Amino acid sequence: MRYNDQHKVRVIAKERIEKLFRLASECHSRDPVLADRYVELARKIGMKCQVRIPKRFKMCFCKECNSFLVPGVSSRIRNRHDGKGKVIITCLKCGMIKRYPMNREKIRRKKDFIG
């Protein structure tokens, strides 16, 4: 496959991934199983075409069971205020725990406050 063809495939794959995540967020309240299926399809497309899932969608699914995470419904979100500060997301379907540092947000807020 030539570079130009491969680039077109990746652009189309990225568009489909974004559309599948949008559909998952829209239909989760009506049919959570369908939303999980959309996430599974989006991940398969990403792996097949070697396209990264955009950062804004990374925290929206469980990497263990491919379920779409909605705070309070299918996931639990906690803040840990130890020295570093973390956001802890727990999948209520499989129990998988993901931890994200809050350092970037603190740095960004300090820059906005200072000027």
N, C-alpha and C. Protein backbone atom coordinates (compact mmCIF):
# COMPACT_ATOMS: atom_id res chain seq x y z
N MET A 1 0.85 -1.17 0.00
CA MET A 1 0.00 0.00 0.00
C MET A 1 0.90 1.24 0.00
N ARG A 2 0.59 2.16 -0.84
CA ARG A 2 1.37 3.39 -0.92
C ARG A 2 1.05 4.28 0.25
N TYR A 3 1.93 5.25 0.48
CA TYR A 3 1.79 6.16 1.62
C TYR A 3 0.47 6.93 1.53
N ASN A 4 0.14 7.43 0.36
CA ASN A 4 -1.07 8.24 0.20
C ASN A 4 -2.32 7.43 0.54
N ASP A 5 -2.35 6.16 0.08
CA ASP A 5 -3.50 5.30 0.38
C ASP A 5 -3.58 5.02 1.88
N GLN A 6 -2.43 4.77 2.48
CA GLN A 6 -2.39 4.48 3.91
C GLN A 6 -2.85 5.70 4.72
N HIS A 7 -2.48 6.86 4.28
CA HIS A 7 -2.89 8.10 4.96
C HIS A 7 -4.41 8.26 4.89
N LYS A 8 -5.00 7.97 3.73
CA LYS A 8 -6.45 8.07 3.57
C LYS A 8 -7.17 7.09 4.49
N VAL A 9 -6.63 5.87 4.59
CA VAL A 9 -7.23 4.85 5.45
C VAL A 9 -7.21 5.32 6.90
N ARG A 10 -6.10 5.90 7.34
CA ARG A 10 -5.99 6.37 8.72
C ARG A 10 -6.93 7.54 9.00
N VAL A 11 -7.11 8.44 8.04
CA VAL A 11 -8.03 9.56 8.23
C VAL A 11 -9.45 9.05 8.37
N ILE A 12 -9.83 8.11 7.52
CA ILE A 12 -11.18 7.54 7.59
C ILE A 12 -11.37 6.79 8.91
N ALA A 13 -10.35 6.05 9.33
CA ALA A 13 -10.45 5.30 10.59
C ALA A 13 -10.62 6.25 11.77
N LYS A 14 -9.90 7.35 11.77
CA LYS A 14 -10.03 8.31 12.87
C LYS A 14 -11.43 8.92 12.90
N GLU A 15 -11.99 9.23 11.74
CA GLU A 15 -13.36 9.76 11.67
C GLU A 15 -14.36 8.75 12.21
N ARG A 16 -14.18 7.48 11.87
CA ARG A 16 -15.11 6.45 12.33
C ARG A 16 -14.99 6.23 13.83
N ILE A 17 -13.77 6.30 14.36
CA ILE A 17 -13.59 6.16 15.80
C ILE A 17 -14.32 7.27 16.53
N GLU A 18 -14.17 8.51 16.05
CA GLU A 18 -14.85 9.63 16.68
C GLU A 18 -16.37 9.48 16.60
N LYS A 19 -16.86 9.01 15.46
CA LYS A 19 -18.30 8.84 15.29
C LYS A 19 -18.82 7.74 16.22
N LEU A 20 -18.08 6.65 16.37
CA LEU A 20 -18.52 5.56 17.24
C LEU A 20 -18.56 6.01 18.70
N PHE A 21 -17.60 6.81 19.13
CA PHE A 21 -17.63 7.31 20.50
C PHE A 21 -18.79 8.28 20.71
N ARG A 22 -19.07 9.08 19.71
CA ARG A 22 -20.22 9.99 19.80
C ARG A 22 -21.52 9.20 19.91
N LEU A 23 -21.66 8.15 19.10
CA LEU A 23 -22.86 7.30 19.16
C LEU A 23 -22.96 6.59 20.51
N ALA A 24 -21.83 6.17 21.06
CA ALA A 24 -21.83 5.50 22.36
C ALA A 24 -22.33 6.43 23.45
N SER A 25 -21.89 7.69 23.39
CA SER A 25 -22.32 8.64 24.43
C SER A 25 -23.81 8.98 24.29
N GLU A 26 -24.30 8.99 23.06
CA GLU A 26 -25.71 9.31 22.84
C GLU A 26 -26.64 8.17 23.26
N CYS A 27 -26.23 6.92 23.05
CA CYS A 27 -27.14 5.80 23.27
C CYS A 27 -26.93 5.10 24.61
N HIS A 28 -25.98 5.56 25.42
CA HIS A 28 -25.69 4.83 26.66
C HIS A 28 -26.87 4.80 27.62
N SER A 29 -27.64 5.86 27.70
CA SER A 29 -28.77 5.88 28.64
C SER A 29 -29.87 4.90 28.21
N ARG A 30 -30.03 4.69 26.91
CA ARG A 30 -31.06 3.78 26.41
C ARG A 30 -30.59 2.33 26.38
N ASP A 31 -29.36 2.11 25.88
CA ASP A 31 -28.86 0.75 25.69
C ASP A 31 -27.36 0.70 25.99
N PRO A 32 -26.96 0.41 27.23
CA PRO A 32 -25.55 0.38 27.58
C PRO A 32 -24.76 -0.72 26.87
N VAL A 33 -25.42 -1.81 26.51
CA VAL A 33 -24.73 -2.90 25.81
C VAL A 33 -24.32 -2.44 24.42
N LEU A 34 -25.17 -1.69 23.76
CA LEU A 34 -24.85 -1.16 22.43
C LEU A 34 -23.70 -0.15 22.52
N ALA A 35 -23.69 0.66 23.57
CA ALA A 35 -22.60 1.62 23.75
C ALA A 35 -21.26 0.89 23.95
N ASP A 36 -21.29 -0.21 24.70
CA ASP A 36 -20.07 -1.00 24.89
C ASP A 36 -19.61 -1.60 23.56
N ARG A 37 -20.56 -2.00 22.74
CA ARG A 37 -20.21 -2.57 21.43
C ARG A 37 -19.57 -1.50 20.53
N TYR A 38 -20.09 -0.27 20.58
CA TYR A 38 -19.49 0.81 19.80
C TYR A 38 -18.04 1.06 20.23
N VAL A 39 -17.79 1.01 21.53
CA VAL A 39 -16.42 1.20 22.02
C VAL A 39 -15.52 0.06 21.54
N GLU A 40 -16.04 -1.15 21.60
CA GLU A 40 -15.25 -2.30 21.14
C GLU A 40 -14.90 -2.17 19.65
N LEU A 41 -15.88 -1.74 18.84
CA LEU A 41 -15.62 -1.56 17.41
C LEU A 41 -14.60 -0.45 17.16
N ALA A 42 -14.71 0.64 17.92
CA ALA A 42 -13.77 1.75 17.75
C ALA A 42 -12.34 1.30 18.09
N ARG A 43 -12.20 0.52 19.14
CA ARG A 43 -10.86 0.03 19.51
C ARG A 43 -10.31 -0.92 18.45
N LYS A 44 -11.16 -1.77 17.89
CA LYS A 44 -10.72 -2.70 16.84
C LYS A 44 -10.27 -1.94 15.60
N ILE A 45 -11.01 -0.92 15.23
CA ILE A 45 -10.63 -0.11 14.06
C ILE A 45 -9.29 0.56 14.32
N GLY A 46 -9.12 1.10 15.53
CA GLY A 46 -7.86 1.76 15.87
C GLY A 46 -6.67 0.81 15.80
N MET A 47 -6.85 -0.41 16.31
CA MET A 47 -5.74 -1.38 16.29
C MET A 47 -5.46 -1.87 14.88
N LYS A 48 -6.51 -2.10 14.12
CA LYS A 48 -6.33 -2.62 12.76
C LYS A 48 -5.63 -1.62 11.86
N CYS A 49 -6.00 -0.33 11.98
CA CYS A 49 -5.44 0.71 11.12
C CYS A 49 -4.27 1.45 11.76
N GLN A 50 -3.87 1.04 12.96
CA GLN A 50 -2.78 1.66 13.70
C GLN A 50 -3.01 3.16 13.88
N VAL A 51 -4.19 3.47 14.42
CA VAL A 51 -4.58 4.85 14.69
C VAL A 51 -4.81 4.97 16.19
N ARG A 52 -4.25 6.01 16.79
CA ARG A 52 -4.45 6.23 18.21
C ARG A 52 -5.85 6.77 18.47
N ILE A 53 -6.42 6.34 19.57
CA ILE A 53 -7.71 6.90 19.98
C ILE A 53 -7.42 8.28 20.56
N PRO A 54 -8.17 9.31 20.16
CA PRO A 54 -7.91 10.66 20.65
C PRO A 54 -7.96 10.75 22.17
N LYS A 55 -7.17 11.67 22.73
CA LYS A 55 -7.03 11.78 24.18
C LYS A 55 -8.35 12.05 24.88
N ARG A 56 -9.24 12.80 24.23
CA ARG A 56 -10.50 13.13 24.89
C ARG A 56 -11.38 11.90 25.08
N PHE A 57 -11.11 10.81 24.36
CA PHE A 57 -11.89 9.59 24.50
C PHE A 57 -11.18 8.53 25.34
N LYS A 58 -9.92 8.74 25.66
CA LYS A 58 -9.15 7.72 26.39
C LYS A 58 -9.74 7.40 27.75
N MET A 59 -10.29 8.41 28.43
CA MET A 59 -10.83 8.19 29.76
C MET A 59 -12.29 7.74 29.72
N CYS A 60 -12.82 7.54 28.53
CA CYS A 60 -14.24 7.21 28.38
C CYS A 60 -14.52 5.71 28.28
N PHE A 61 -13.49 4.88 28.32
CA PHE A 61 -13.74 3.45 28.23
C PHE A 61 -12.76 2.68 29.10
N CYS A 62 -13.17 1.48 29.47
CA CYS A 62 -12.33 0.59 30.28
C CYS A 62 -11.50 -0.26 29.33
N LYS A 63 -10.19 -0.26 29.53
CA LYS A 63 -9.32 -1.03 28.66
C LYS A 63 -9.42 -2.54 28.92
N GLU A 64 -9.96 -2.90 30.07
CA GLU A 64 -10.07 -4.31 30.43
C GLU A 64 -11.29 -4.97 29.80
N CYS A 65 -12.47 -4.35 29.95
CA CYS A 65 -13.71 -4.98 29.49
C CYS A 65 -14.39 -4.22 28.34
N ASN A 66 -13.77 -3.16 27.84
CA ASN A 66 -14.29 -2.37 26.71
C ASN A 66 -15.64 -1.73 26.99
N SER A 67 -15.95 -1.45 28.24
CA SER A 67 -17.24 -0.82 28.52
C SER A 67 -17.10 0.70 28.48
N PHE A 68 -18.17 1.35 28.06
CA PHE A 68 -18.21 2.80 28.00
C PHE A 68 -18.45 3.32 29.40
N LEU A 69 -17.57 4.22 29.89
CA LEU A 69 -17.63 4.68 31.26
C LEU A 69 -18.38 5.99 31.38
N VAL A 70 -19.45 5.97 32.17
CA VAL A 70 -20.23 7.16 32.48
C VAL A 70 -20.14 7.37 33.99
N PRO A 71 -19.65 8.52 34.45
CA PRO A 71 -19.49 8.74 35.89
C PRO A 71 -20.82 8.57 36.63
N GLY A 72 -20.77 7.77 37.68
CA GLY A 72 -21.96 7.53 38.50
C GLY A 72 -22.84 6.40 38.02
N VAL A 73 -22.69 6.00 36.76
CA VAL A 73 -23.51 4.92 36.22
C VAL A 73 -22.67 3.66 36.04
N SER A 74 -21.62 3.76 35.27
CA SER A 74 -20.77 2.59 35.02
C SER A 74 -19.35 2.79 35.55
N SER A 75 -19.09 3.94 36.18
CA SER A 75 -17.76 4.17 36.76
C SER A 75 -17.87 5.05 37.99
N ARG A 76 -16.85 4.96 38.82
CA ARG A 76 -16.76 5.79 40.02
C ARG A 76 -15.48 6.61 39.91
N ILE A 77 -15.59 7.91 40.19
CA ILE A 77 -14.44 8.81 40.08
C ILE A 77 -14.14 9.39 41.45
N ARG A 78 -12.87 9.29 41.85
CA ARG A 78 -12.43 9.83 43.13
C ARG A 78 -11.18 10.67 42.92
N ASN A 79 -11.00 11.66 43.77
CA ASN A 79 -9.78 12.46 43.78
C ASN A 79 -8.96 12.08 44.99
N ARG A 80 -7.68 11.88 44.80
CA ARG A 80 -6.79 11.60 45.92
C ARG A 80 -5.89 12.82 46.10
N HIS A 81 -5.93 13.39 47.29
CA HIS A 81 -5.18 14.61 47.56
C HIS A 81 -3.95 14.31 48.39
N ASP A 82 -3.17 13.33 47.98
CA ASP A 82 -1.88 13.15 48.64
C ASP A 82 -0.91 14.15 48.05
N GLY A 83 0.36 14.00 48.23
CA GLY A 83 1.32 14.99 47.77
C GLY A 83 1.24 15.29 46.29
N LYS A 84 0.92 14.30 45.48
CA LYS A 84 0.92 14.49 44.03
C LYS A 84 -0.47 14.80 43.48
N GLY A 85 -1.48 14.20 44.03
CA GLY A 85 -2.84 14.40 43.54
C GLY A 85 -3.13 13.52 42.35
N LYS A 86 -4.20 12.74 42.43
CA LYS A 86 -4.55 11.82 41.35
C LYS A 86 -6.06 11.78 41.18
N VAL A 87 -6.47 11.44 39.98
CA VAL A 87 -7.87 11.13 39.70
C VAL A 87 -7.93 9.62 39.53
N ILE A 88 -8.81 8.97 40.29
CA ILE A 88 -8.92 7.52 40.25
C ILE A 88 -10.28 7.17 39.66
N ILE A 89 -10.28 6.41 38.56
CA ILE A 89 -11.50 5.99 37.89
C ILE A 89 -11.61 4.47 38.04
N THR A 90 -12.73 4.02 38.60
CA THR A 90 -12.97 2.59 38.80
C THR A 90 -14.14 2.15 37.93
N CYS A 91 -13.92 1.12 37.13
CA CYS A 91 -14.99 0.54 36.31
C CYS A 91 -15.86 -0.30 37.23
N LEU A 92 -17.16 -0.06 37.23
CA LEU A 92 -18.07 -0.81 38.09
C LEU A 92 -18.46 -2.15 37.49
N LYS A 93 -18.09 -2.38 36.24
CA LYS A 93 -18.42 -3.65 35.60
C LYS A 93 -17.37 -4.72 35.91
N CYS A 94 -16.08 -4.37 35.80
CA CYS A 94 -15.02 -5.36 36.00
C CYS A 94 -14.11 -5.03 37.19
N GLY A 95 -14.19 -3.81 37.73
CA GLY A 95 -13.37 -3.44 38.87
C GLY A 95 -12.00 -2.88 38.52
N MET A 96 -11.73 -2.68 37.25
CA MET A 96 -10.43 -2.13 36.82
C MET A 96 -10.27 -0.71 37.35
N ILE A 97 -9.07 -0.40 37.83
CA ILE A 97 -8.78 0.92 38.39
C ILE A 97 -7.76 1.61 37.51
N LYS A 98 -8.05 2.87 37.13
CA LYS A 98 -7.10 3.68 36.36
C LYS A 98 -6.80 4.92 37.18
N ARG A 99 -5.52 5.29 37.22
CA ARG A 99 -5.09 6.46 37.96
C ARG A 99 -4.44 7.45 37.01
N TYR A 100 -4.87 8.69 37.10
CA TYR A 100 -4.32 9.76 36.26
C TYR A 100 -3.77 10.86 37.15
N PRO A 101 -2.55 11.34 36.87
CA PRO A 101 -2.01 12.44 37.68
C PRO A 101 -2.71 13.76 37.36
N MET A 102 -2.78 14.64 38.35
CA MET A 102 -3.40 15.95 38.15
C MET A 102 -2.35 17.04 37.97
N ASN A 103 -1.12 16.70 37.77
CA ASN A 103 -0.05 17.68 37.69
C ASN A 103 -0.24 18.68 36.57
N ARG A 104 -0.62 18.23 35.40
CA ARG A 104 -0.78 19.13 34.26
C ARG A 104 -1.84 20.18 34.53
N GLU A 105 -2.92 19.77 35.14
CA GLU A 105 -4.00 20.72 35.43
C GLU A 105 -3.54 21.77 36.42
N LYS A 106 -2.78 21.35 37.44
CA LYS A 106 -2.29 22.31 38.43
C LYS A 106 -1.34 23.31 37.78
N ILE A 107 -0.46 22.82 36.93
CA ILE A 107 0.49 23.71 36.26
C ILE A 107 -0.27 24.68 35.36
N ARG A 108 -1.26 24.20 34.64
CA ARG A 108 -2.04 25.05 33.74
C ARG A 108 -2.79 26.13 34.53
N ARG A 109 -3.37 25.76 35.69
CA ARG A 109 -4.08 26.72 36.51
C ARG A 109 -3.13 27.79 37.06
N LYS A 110 -1.93 27.37 37.45
CA LYS A 110 -0.96 28.34 37.96
C LYS A 110 -0.56 29.32 36.87
N LYS A 111 -0.37 28.84 35.65
CA LYS A 111 -0.01 29.72 34.54
C LYS A 111 -1.14 30.69 34.25
N ASP A 112 -2.38 30.20 34.28
CA ASP A 112 -3.52 31.09 34.04
C ASP A 112 -3.67 32.14 35.13
N PHE A 113 -3.37 31.75 36.37
CA PHE A 113 -3.50 32.66 37.49
C PHE A 113 -2.42 33.75 37.44
N ILE A 114 -1.19 33.32 37.10
CA ILE A 114 -0.06 34.25 37.07
C ILE A 114 -0.20 35.21 35.89
N GLY A 115 -0.64 34.71 34.79
CA GLY A 115 -0.81 35.66 33.70
C GLY A 115 -0.44 35.07 32.42
